[in-house]
Structures are given as C-alpha cells and as structure tokens.
Protein backbone atom coordinates (compact mmCIF):
# COMPACT_ATOMS: atom_id res chain seq x y z
CA UNK A 1 -0.21 -0.31 -0.11
CA UNK A 2 1.70 3.00 -1.06
CA UNK A 3 2.22 6.53 1.67
CA UNK A 4 -0.68 8.25 0.32
CA UNK A 5 -2.95 5.27 0.06
CA UNK A 6 -1.98 4.59 4.28
CA UNK A 7 -2.53 8.18 4.82
CA UNK A 8 -6.04 7.96 3.69
CA UNK A 9 -6.94 4.62 5.72
CA UNK A 10 -5.71 6.51 8.47
CA UNK A 11 -7.80 9.17 8.26
CA UNK A 12 -10.95 6.90 7.51
CA UNK A 13 -10.50 5.18 10.74
CA UNK A 14 -10.13 7.72 12.62
CA UNK A 15 -13.05 9.41 11.29
CA UNK A 16 -15.06 6.52 11.47
CA UNK A 17 -13.60 5.06 14.92
CA UNK A 18 -15.60 8.07 17.36
CA UNK A 19 -18.64 7.95 15.52
CA UNK A 20 -19.19 4.26 15.18
CA UNK A 21 -18.76 4.14 19.03
CA UNK A 22 -21.11 7.55 19.54
CA UNK A 23 -23.91 4.97 17.60
CA UNK A 24 -23.84 1.80 19.90
CA UNK A 25 -23.63 4.71 22.93
CA UNK A 26 -26.95 5.93 21.39
CA UNK A 27 -28.81 2.41 20.95
CA UNK A 28 -27.37 0.39 23.55
CA UNK A 29 -27.52 2.53 26.62
CA UNK A 30 -30.98 3.57 24.95
CA UNK A 31 -31.70 -0.37 25.68
CA UNK A 32 -30.08 -0.43 29.06
CA UNK A 33 -28.19 -2.93 28.30
CA UNK A 34 -24.68 -3.65 28.07
CA UNK A 35 -23.64 -6.09 24.77
CA UNK A 36 -20.79 -8.21 22.86
CA UNK A 37 -20.31 -10.62 20.18
CA UNK A 38 -18.99 -13.87 20.21
CA UNK A 39 -19.98 -15.35 16.96
CA UNK A 40 -17.39 -13.29 15.06
CA UNK A 41 -16.66 -14.62 11.90
CA UNK A 42 -14.63 -13.26 8.78
CA UNK A 43 -13.10 -15.03 5.97
CA UNK A 44 -9.49 -15.17 5.93
CA UNK A 45 -9.08 -14.13 2.36
CA UNK A 46 -8.57 -9.91 2.54
CA UNK A 47 -10.81 -7.86 0.08
CA UNK A 48 -9.22 -5.13 -1.26
CA UNK A 49 -10.29 -2.16 -0.34
CA UNK A 50 -12.46 -0.04 1.51
CA UNK A 51 -15.24 -2.47 3.50
CA UNK A 52 -17.92 -1.73 5.84
CA UNK A 53 -20.23 -4.91 8.23
CA UNK A 54 -22.18 -5.01 10.56
CA UNK A 55 -23.42 -7.48 12.48
CA UNK A 56 -25.79 -9.02 14.78
CA UNK A 57 -25.75 -12.09 17.75
CA UNK A 58 -27.79 -13.35 20.23
CA UNK A 59 -26.61 -15.87 22.24
CA UNK A 60 -27.72 -18.95 25.17
CA UNK A 61 -28.22 -17.79 28.55
CA UNK A 62 -23.70 -18.09 30.28
CA UNK A 63 -24.78 -18.23 33.76
CA UNK A 64 -25.41 -15.79 36.04
CA UNK A 65 -21.62 -14.71 36.80
CA UNK A 66 -20.69 -14.19 33.13
CA UNK A 67 -24.10 -12.68 32.55
CA UNK A 68 -23.28 -9.92 35.19
CA UNK A 69 -20.19 -8.73 33.06
CA UNK A 70 -22.96 -7.67 30.10
CA UNK A 71 -25.73 -6.32 31.68
CA UNK A 72 -25.36 -2.63 33.22
CA UNK A 73 -28.52 -3.01 36.17
CA UNK A 74 -28.28 -6.16 37.21
CA UNK A 75 -27.06 -7.21 40.70
CA UNK A 76 -27.95 -11.27 40.73
CA UNK A 77 -29.62 -13.04 38.43
CA UNK A 78 -27.97 -12.02 35.54
CA UNK A 79 -28.21 -15.71 33.46
CA UNK A 80 -29.79 -13.80 30.50
CA UNK A 81 -28.39 -14.27 27.03
CA UNK A 82 -26.24 -12.13 25.40
CA UNK A 83 -27.34 -9.19 22.26
CA UNK A 84 -24.13 -8.48 19.93
CA UNK A 85 -23.99 -5.81 17.81
CA UNK A 86 -20.72 -5.30 16.14
CA UNK A 87 -19.77 -2.89 13.85
CA UNK A 88 -16.57 -1.88 11.34
CA UNK A 89 -14.88 -0.57 8.57
CA UNK A 90 -11.61 -2.56 7.06
CA UNK A 91 -9.26 -1.89 4.51
CA UNK A 92 -7.58 -5.04 2.80
CA UNK A 93 -4.36 -4.58 0.23
CA UNK A 94 -3.79 -7.66 -1.87
CA UNK A 95 -0.34 -7.32 -1.92
CA UNK A 96 3.09 -9.97 -1.54
CA UNK A 97 1.23 -10.55 2.10
CA UNK A 98 -2.30 -9.49 2.04
CA UNK A 99 -3.29 -7.60 4.66
CA UNK A 100 -6.42 -5.58 6.80
CA UNK A 101 -6.88 -3.04 9.29
CA UNK A 102 -9.94 -2.28 10.52
CA UNK A 103 -12.00 -0.13 13.39
CA UNK A 104 -15.54 -0.62 14.80
CA UNK A 105 -17.75 -0.86 18.35
CA UNK A 106 -18.58 -4.30 19.21
CA UNK A 107 -20.84 -3.54 21.89
CA UNK A 108 -20.21 -0.10 23.44
CA UNK A 109 -16.23 -1.13 22.97
CA UNK A 110 -14.53 0.13 20.57
CA UNK A 111 -11.72 -1.40 19.33
CA UNK A 112 -8.99 -1.58 16.35
CA UNK A 113 -8.09 -5.19 14.56
CA UNK A 114 -5.44 -5.85 11.94
CA UNK A 115 -5.53 -8.99 10.43
CA UNK A 116 -2.65 -10.40 7.76
CA UNK A 117 -3.25 -13.47 5.18
CA UNK A 118 -0.64 -15.78 5.50
CA UNK A 119 -0.96 -18.05 1.99
CA UNK A 120 -2.01 -16.77 -1.26
CA UNK A 121 -4.37 -19.70 -1.92
CA UNK A 122 -7.65 -18.13 -2.19
CA UNK A 123 -9.56 -21.54 -2.32
CA UNK A 124 -8.15 -22.66 1.28
CA UNK A 125 -6.88 -19.23 2.59
CA UNK A 126 -5.59 -18.62 6.29
CA UNK A 127 -4.31 -16.35 8.50
CA UNK A 128 -4.23 -14.97 12.12
CA UNK A 129 -4.88 -11.44 13.34
CA UNK A 130 -5.38 -9.32 16.92
CA UNK A 131 -8.57 -6.94 18.06
CA UNK A 132 -7.54 -4.50 20.47
CA UNK A 133 -9.82 -2.74 22.35
CA UNK A 134 -10.34 0.45 23.80
CA UNK A 135 -12.16 0.97 27.61
CA UNK A 136 -13.43 4.50 27.56
CA UNK A 137 -15.82 2.45 30.12
CA UNK A 138 -14.52 1.38 31.64
CA UNK A 139 -14.24 -2.44 30.38
CA UNK A 140 -12.69 -3.35 27.43
CA UNK A 141 -12.20 -6.94 25.32
CA UNK A 142 -9.64 -7.93 23.60
CA UNK A 143 -8.77 -11.03 21.20
CA UNK A 144 -6.03 -13.60 19.25
CA UNK A 145 -7.76 -15.39 16.54
CA UNK A 146 -7.40 -17.48 13.43
CA UNK A 147 -9.26 -17.71 9.52
CA UNK A 148 -9.40 -20.68 7.72
CA UNK A 149 -11.84 -21.33 4.62
CA UNK A 150 -12.81 -24.17 2.32
CA UNK A 151 -14.04 -22.87 -0.46
CA UNK A 152 -17.34 -24.19 -1.60
CA UNK A 153 -18.16 -23.55 -4.89
CA UNK A 154 -20.97 -20.78 -6.16
CA UNK A 155 -19.13 -18.18 -4.19
CA UNK A 156 -20.18 -20.55 -0.58
CA UNK A 157 -17.44 -20.80 1.98
CA UNK A 158 -16.76 -22.39 4.66
CA UNK A 159 -15.03 -20.71 7.97
CA UNK A 160 -13.44 -21.40 10.62
CA UNK A 161 -12.61 -19.03 13.27
CA UNK A 162 -11.10 -20.11 16.77
CA UNK A 163 -10.00 -17.36 19.15
CA UNK A 164 -8.97 -16.97 22.34
CA UNK A 165 -11.08 -13.79 24.13
CA UNK A 166 -10.68 -11.54 26.90
CA UNK A 167 -12.64 -8.81 29.14
CA UNK A 168 -11.42 -7.20 31.66
CA UNK A 169 -11.65 -3.88 34.03
CA UNK A 170 -13.77 -2.42 36.61
CA UNK A 171 -16.93 -0.07 36.99
CA UNK A 172 -16.87 3.62 36.99
CA UNK A 173 -17.08 3.63 40.76
CA UNK A 174 -14.60 1.33 41.00
CA UNK A 175 -16.43 -1.26 43.38
CA UNK A 176 -16.43 -3.96 40.66
CA UNK A 177 -13.54 -5.50 38.87
CA UNK A 178 -12.66 -8.95 36.95
CA UNK A 179 -12.13 -10.67 33.61
CA UNK A 180 -13.81 -13.42 31.98
CA UNK A 181 -11.46 -15.65 29.80
CA UNK A 182 -12.69 -17.73 26.45
CA UNK A 183 -11.66 -20.43 24.05
CA UNK A 184 -13.87 -19.71 21.01
CA UNK A 185 -14.82 -22.16 18.60
CA UNK A 186 -16.67 -20.40 15.50
CA UNK A 187 -18.27 -21.78 11.66
CA UNK A 188 -19.93 -19.58 9.54
CA UNK A 189 -21.23 -19.81 6.28
CA UNK A 190 -19.83 -16.92 3.74
CA UNK A 191 -22.06 -16.28 0.82
CA UNK A 192 -20.50 -13.52 -1.61
CA UNK A 193 -22.26 -11.52 -3.78
CA UNK A 194 -20.46 -9.05 -6.27
CA UNK A 195 -21.00 -6.22 -3.46
CA UNK A 196 -22.39 -8.18 -0.31
CA UNK A 197 -21.23 -11.16 1.43
CA UNK A 198 -23.60 -12.87 3.94
CA UNK A 199 -22.01 -14.96 7.06
CA UNK A 200 -25.06 -16.64 9.11
CA UNK A 201 -22.51 -18.40 12.48
CA UNK A 202 -22.16 -20.43 15.70
CA UNK A 203 -20.10 -20.37 18.32
CA UNK A 204 -18.92 -22.24 21.14
CA UNK A 205 -17.30 -20.15 23.96
CA UNK A 206 -15.93 -22.24 26.91
CA UNK A 207 -14.49 -19.38 29.74
CA UNK A 208 -13.48 -19.09 33.25
CA UNK A 209 -13.36 -16.12 34.78
CA UNK A 210 -13.40 -13.82 38.29
CA UNK A 211 -15.04 -10.97 39.83
CA UNK A 212 -14.65 -8.86 42.69
CA UNK A 213 -17.47 -6.72 44.49
CA UNK A 214 -17.60 -5.11 47.39
CA UNK A 215 -14.55 -7.38 48.60
CA UNK A 216 -16.20 -10.35 47.92
CA UNK A 217 -14.30 -12.55 44.48
CA UNK A 218 -16.13 -15.30 42.83
CA UNK A 219 -14.00 -17.33 40.20
CA UNK A 220 -16.51 -19.33 37.90
CA UNK A 221 -16.87 -21.06 34.41
CA UNK A 222 -18.56 -20.68 31.92
CA UNK A 223 -20.22 -22.99 28.48
CA UNK A 224 -22.69 -21.15 25.81
CA UNK A 225 -23.11 -20.98 22.59
CA UNK A 226 -23.80 -18.43 20.25
CA UNK A 227 -25.32 -17.21 17.19
CA UNK A 228 -24.62 -14.41 14.80
CA UNK A 229 -25.44 -12.85 11.12
CA UNK A 230 -22.82 -10.03 9.28
CA UNK A 231 -23.12 -8.39 6.92
CA UNK A 232 -20.25 -6.86 4.68
CA UNK A 233 -20.52 -4.56 1.62
CA UNK A 234 -17.57 -4.29 -0.56
CA UNK A 235 -16.16 -2.50 -3.90
CA UNK A 236 -17.34 -4.72 -6.07
CA UNK A 237 -14.98 -8.35 -7.42
CA UNK A 238 -14.90 -11.27 -9.88
CA UNK A 239 -17.18 -14.12 -9.48
CA UNK A 240 -14.67 -16.81 -7.11
CA UNK A 241 -12.99 -19.47 -9.11
CA UNK A 242 -13.74 -23.17 -8.72
CA UNK A 243 -12.58 -24.69 -5.78
C-alpha cells in the first residue's frame, strides 16, 4: 500500500471510530443493556479496498456470573442471553502478503484490529489477527484469532475462526472489577455476492473468570453458545474460481 493510500486509510479509520462508538452508546444505552459479539466470523481471504460490516448476534444464557459482565443494571440473576451489535470499517491490501486494518465498535467497546493472510490460496486461505479494545467505559475486550476458509463453489465458503477472548476492567465507581477469558470455536457459511457478503455463524464459548464486588470475590466457569449474522458491503469483485 502506497504512502498516500496509507494516509487516507488512517484518516478514514480516525473519522469512523468515534462515530461508530457514539452510535453504539446511543442505541445500547437507550436499551439499558451491555452487549458483545462472540460469534464473529470473517473470511481468511483479504478483500482489497474499503468495506463496511454490520453484525447482530445472540447467545444462550451464559450463567449468572458471566452475564453480570454485560448487564448494566443487574446485580444478581444475570443469566440472560447476551445480544451483540458489531460494526466496523476495514481497509484491505492484496499485495505479496495480504493484510487488513479495521476500526469498529463491539457493543460499547471501540476497537482497532489487524489481520494478515498467511497464504495466497484463495480456495483454502488462512491467516491470523488480533483485536485490541479501547477502554472508554471502564471495561474492554481483546481477541486473538485465526481464520481458515474452505471453498465450496457457487460463491460459498465454509469459515472456521478459532480464537481467545479476554474481557476485563472495572466499574466506573471502582467498586466492582473482574475478567473473563474464553476459548471460542466459531464456524460460518459465507455467501458471496458482487458487492455484498452474508455470513451466518455459530460459536461455542468455553470460559473462566473472576469478579470482585465490594470485597467479595467469585471464580466461575461458563459454557454457552452464540449465533450471528453479518453483512459486509464492499467494492465489486469477480466471481470466485471453482475449488
């Protein structure tokens, strides 16, 4: 990516991130609930140029302790499904080593993300990436993940995105703090179009955490599932080759 293109990308990321954050705060604040997306699944093949992705997700009840992290007004009996809204802008570069840079918001947590594709095989592409949350509410989330594609033909791909998820922080008054670490196994089916890509996905989350409230500490484990649907809008691309 040339220097002018790099500068333009950084300016777009700086422009989009605060606006995506403000939108999530307005929507989720009005709903009175925190949220996050666990079933986030993307293709391992880098899409050149600019794209914009929106995703909605819903988990099964994760247990009282885990649900507490994403409940803004819940002290006990917090095992409610976790809803998620994720929106991000991505710029991809398809050079000798394809990569992408993203900025977005997951629930109330803004983040930046980097990903690199490790091979040039579009039919069975794979790569690794990381998402770093920006702590603007006292809580933040980070992810390390892999991506692996299996081309099925007719614009469809089976996607596998294993990852490690970390959520940690403290309440605004400092009286409550904690963390939740989870292994996430997520799979999805990508349906490609010339300008739009749709990915329904499922995820299994196995995690362990600790929380401290007013001097009392609790350790816990949690296993739950999540489902999501994402839509990515991108520049036109040619039909994918047969596997």
